[in-house]
Amino acid sequence: MGHTVPETIMKSRAETCRDKADECERAAARVGDPQIQASYREMSRQWHEMAERQLVIDQALSGVGTI
């Protein structure tokens, strides 16, 4: 039998997306080129958007299989 990690320990996909967004913000702060900063900030915005979408999916799936 395999060992499963409790759900509370596993990072949610939404949290992972938010972490990626934070990485992009840190990268934007490290570069001096305004165009590159803007690109990193746009990627951050998109990661945040994916996190929100994942929360909606997770909420929808949390009711699957329940009566």
N, C-alpha and C. Protein backbone atom coordinates (compact mmCIF):
# COMPACT_ATOMS: atom_id res chain seq x y z
N MET A 1 0.83 -1.20 0.00
CA MET A 1 0.00 0.00 0.00
C MET A 1 0.86 1.24 0.00
N GLY A 2 0.44 2.20 -0.79
CA GLY A 2 1.18 3.46 -0.84
C GLY A 2 0.77 4.38 0.29
N HIS A 3 1.66 5.25 0.63
CA HIS A 3 1.38 6.25 1.68
C HIS A 3 0.88 7.52 1.01
N THR A 4 -0.24 8.03 1.47
CA THR A 4 -0.76 9.27 0.91
C THR A 4 -0.49 10.42 1.88
N VAL A 5 -0.23 11.57 1.30
CA VAL A 5 0.02 12.77 2.09
C VAL A 5 -1.32 13.41 2.42
N PRO A 6 -1.56 13.75 3.69
CA PRO A 6 -2.82 14.40 4.04
C PRO A 6 -3.02 15.67 3.21
N GLU A 7 -4.25 15.92 2.83
CA GLU A 7 -4.58 17.05 1.98
C GLU A 7 -4.14 18.38 2.59
N THR A 8 -4.16 18.48 3.90
CA THR A 8 -3.78 19.74 4.55
C THR A 8 -2.30 20.04 4.36
N ILE A 9 -1.49 19.02 4.11
CA ILE A 9 -0.06 19.23 3.91
C ILE A 9 0.23 19.59 2.46
N MET A 10 -0.52 19.03 1.56
CA MET A 10 -0.30 19.30 0.14
C MET A 10 -0.69 20.74 -0.18
N LYS A 11 0.10 21.35 -1.03
CA LYS A 11 -0.19 22.72 -1.44
C LYS A 11 -1.24 22.68 -2.54
N SER A 12 -2.23 23.54 -2.42
CA SER A 12 -3.27 23.58 -3.45
C SER A 12 -2.71 24.18 -4.73
N ARG A 13 -3.37 23.89 -5.82
CA ARG A 13 -2.95 24.47 -7.10
C ARG A 13 -3.05 25.98 -7.06
N ALA A 14 -4.07 26.50 -6.39
CA ALA A 14 -4.22 27.95 -6.28
C ALA A 14 -3.04 28.57 -5.53
N GLU A 15 -2.61 27.90 -4.45
CA GLU A 15 -1.45 28.40 -3.70
C GLU A 15 -0.19 28.37 -4.56
N THR A 16 -0.04 27.33 -5.35
CA THR A 16 1.11 27.23 -6.24
C THR A 16 1.10 28.37 -7.24
N CYS A 17 -0.06 28.69 -7.78
CA CYS A 17 -0.17 29.81 -8.72
C CYS A 17 0.19 31.13 -8.05
N ARG A 18 -0.29 31.32 -6.82
CA ARG A 18 0.05 32.55 -6.10
C ARG A 18 1.55 32.64 -5.83
N ASP A 19 2.17 31.49 -5.53
CA ASP A 19 3.62 31.48 -5.32
C ASP A 19 4.35 31.89 -6.60
N LYS A 20 3.89 31.40 -7.74
CA LYS A 20 4.49 31.77 -9.02
C LYS A 20 4.32 33.27 -9.28
N ALA A 21 3.17 33.80 -8.93
CA ALA A 21 2.94 35.24 -9.09
C ALA A 21 3.92 36.03 -8.23
N ASP A 22 4.14 35.57 -7.01
CA ASP A 22 5.10 36.24 -6.13
C ASP A 22 6.52 36.19 -6.70
N GLU A 23 6.87 35.04 -7.29
CA GLU A 23 8.18 34.92 -7.92
C GLU A 23 8.35 35.95 -9.04
N CYS A 24 7.30 36.12 -9.82
CA CYS A 24 7.35 37.10 -10.92
C CYS A 24 7.51 38.51 -10.38
N GLU A 25 6.82 38.83 -9.30
CA GLU A 25 6.96 40.17 -8.69
C GLU A 25 8.37 40.39 -8.18
N ARG A 26 8.96 39.37 -7.57
CA ARG A 26 10.34 39.50 -7.08
C ARG A 26 11.30 39.68 -8.25
N ALA A 27 11.07 38.95 -9.33
CA ALA A 27 11.91 39.08 -10.51
C ALA A 27 11.79 40.48 -11.10
N ALA A 28 10.58 41.01 -11.14
CA ALA A 28 10.37 42.36 -11.67
C ALA A 28 11.14 43.39 -10.85
N ALA A 29 11.21 43.18 -9.55
CA ALA A 29 11.90 44.11 -8.67
C ALA A 29 13.42 44.05 -8.85
N ARG A 30 13.92 42.93 -9.37
CA ARG A 30 15.37 42.76 -9.53
C ARG A 30 15.91 43.33 -10.84
N VAL A 31 15.06 43.51 -11.83
CA VAL A 31 15.56 43.97 -13.13
C VAL A 31 15.35 45.47 -13.29
N GLY A 32 16.21 46.08 -14.07
CA GLY A 32 16.12 47.53 -14.26
C GLY A 32 15.37 47.93 -15.52
N ASP A 33 15.24 47.01 -16.44
CA ASP A 33 14.59 47.32 -17.72
C ASP A 33 13.08 47.40 -17.54
N PRO A 34 12.47 48.56 -17.83
CA PRO A 34 11.03 48.72 -17.63
C PRO A 34 10.18 47.75 -18.45
N GLN A 35 10.64 47.39 -19.64
CA GLN A 35 9.87 46.45 -20.46
C GLN A 35 9.87 45.06 -19.84
N ILE A 36 11.02 44.65 -19.32
CA ILE A 36 11.11 43.34 -18.67
C ILE A 36 10.29 43.35 -17.39
N GLN A 37 10.35 44.45 -16.64
CA GLN A 37 9.53 44.56 -15.43
C GLN A 37 8.05 44.41 -15.78
N ALA A 38 7.64 45.08 -16.84
CA ALA A 38 6.23 45.01 -17.26
C ALA A 38 5.86 43.59 -17.64
N SER A 39 6.76 42.88 -18.29
CA SER A 39 6.48 41.49 -18.67
C SER A 39 6.31 40.61 -17.43
N TYR A 40 7.22 40.78 -16.47
CA TYR A 40 7.10 40.00 -15.23
C TYR A 40 5.80 40.34 -14.49
N ARG A 41 5.44 41.61 -14.47
CA ARG A 41 4.20 42.00 -13.77
C ARG A 41 2.97 41.46 -14.49
N GLU A 42 3.03 41.39 -15.81
CA GLU A 42 1.92 40.79 -16.57
C GLU A 42 1.83 39.30 -16.27
N MET A 43 2.96 38.63 -16.20
CA MET A 43 2.94 37.20 -15.84
C MET A 43 2.38 37.01 -14.43
N SER A 44 2.75 37.90 -13.53
CA SER A 44 2.23 37.83 -12.17
C SER A 44 0.71 37.97 -12.17
N ARG A 45 0.21 38.93 -12.94
CA ARG A 45 -1.24 39.14 -13.04
C ARG A 45 -1.92 37.87 -13.56
N GLN A 46 -1.31 37.24 -14.56
CA GLN A 46 -1.89 36.03 -15.12
C GLN A 46 -1.87 34.87 -14.13
N TRP A 47 -0.79 34.74 -13.35
CA TRP A 47 -0.73 33.70 -12.32
C TRP A 47 -1.83 33.93 -11.27
N HIS A 48 -2.03 35.20 -10.88
CA HIS A 48 -3.10 35.50 -9.92
C HIS A 48 -4.47 35.13 -10.50
N GLU A 49 -4.66 35.42 -11.77
CA GLU A 49 -5.92 35.07 -12.43
C GLU A 49 -6.12 33.55 -12.45
N MET A 50 -5.06 32.82 -12.73
CA MET A 50 -5.17 31.35 -12.71
C MET A 50 -5.49 30.84 -11.31
N ALA A 51 -4.92 31.48 -10.30
CA ALA A 51 -5.21 31.08 -8.92
C ALA A 51 -6.69 31.26 -8.62
N GLU A 52 -7.26 32.38 -9.04
CA GLU A 52 -8.68 32.63 -8.80
C GLU A 52 -9.55 31.61 -9.55
N ARG A 53 -9.17 31.32 -10.78
CA ARG A 53 -9.93 30.33 -11.55
C ARG A 53 -9.86 28.96 -10.89
N GLN A 54 -8.68 28.61 -10.37
CA GLN A 54 -8.53 27.32 -9.71
C GLN A 54 -9.39 27.24 -8.46
N LEU A 55 -9.51 28.34 -7.73
CA LEU A 55 -10.37 28.34 -6.54
C LEU A 55 -11.82 28.05 -6.93
N VAL A 56 -12.27 28.62 -8.04
CA VAL A 56 -13.63 28.37 -8.52
C VAL A 56 -13.80 26.90 -8.87
N ILE A 57 -12.80 26.34 -9.56
CA ILE A 57 -12.85 24.92 -9.92
C ILE A 57 -12.87 24.06 -8.67
N ASP A 58 -11.99 24.36 -7.72
CA ASP A 58 -11.93 23.58 -6.48
C ASP A 58 -13.26 23.62 -5.73
N GLN A 59 -13.88 24.80 -5.69
CA GLN A 59 -15.17 24.93 -5.00
C GLN A 59 -16.23 24.12 -5.72
N ALA A 60 -16.22 24.14 -7.05
CA ALA A 60 -17.20 23.38 -7.81
C ALA A 60 -17.01 21.89 -7.61
N LEU A 61 -15.76 21.45 -7.55
CA LEU A 61 -15.48 20.03 -7.38
C LEU A 61 -15.70 19.53 -5.96
N SER A 62 -15.67 20.45 -5.00
CA SER A 62 -15.83 20.02 -3.61
C SER A 62 -17.24 19.47 -3.35
N GLY A 63 -18.18 19.84 -4.19
CA GLY A 63 -19.54 19.33 -4.03
C GLY A 63 -19.82 18.08 -4.84
N VAL A 64 -18.88 17.66 -5.67
CA VAL A 64 -19.08 16.47 -6.51
C VAL A 64 -19.12 15.23 -5.63
N GLY A 65 -20.11 14.41 -5.86
CA GLY A 65 -20.23 13.16 -5.11
C GLY A 65 -20.94 13.29 -3.78
N THR A 66 -21.43 14.47 -3.46
CA THR A 66 -22.16 14.64 -2.22
C THR A 66 -23.66 14.74 -2.53
N ILE A 67 -24.43 14.42 -1.56
CA ILE A 67 -25.89 14.47 -1.73
C ILE A 67 -26.45 15.63 -0.95
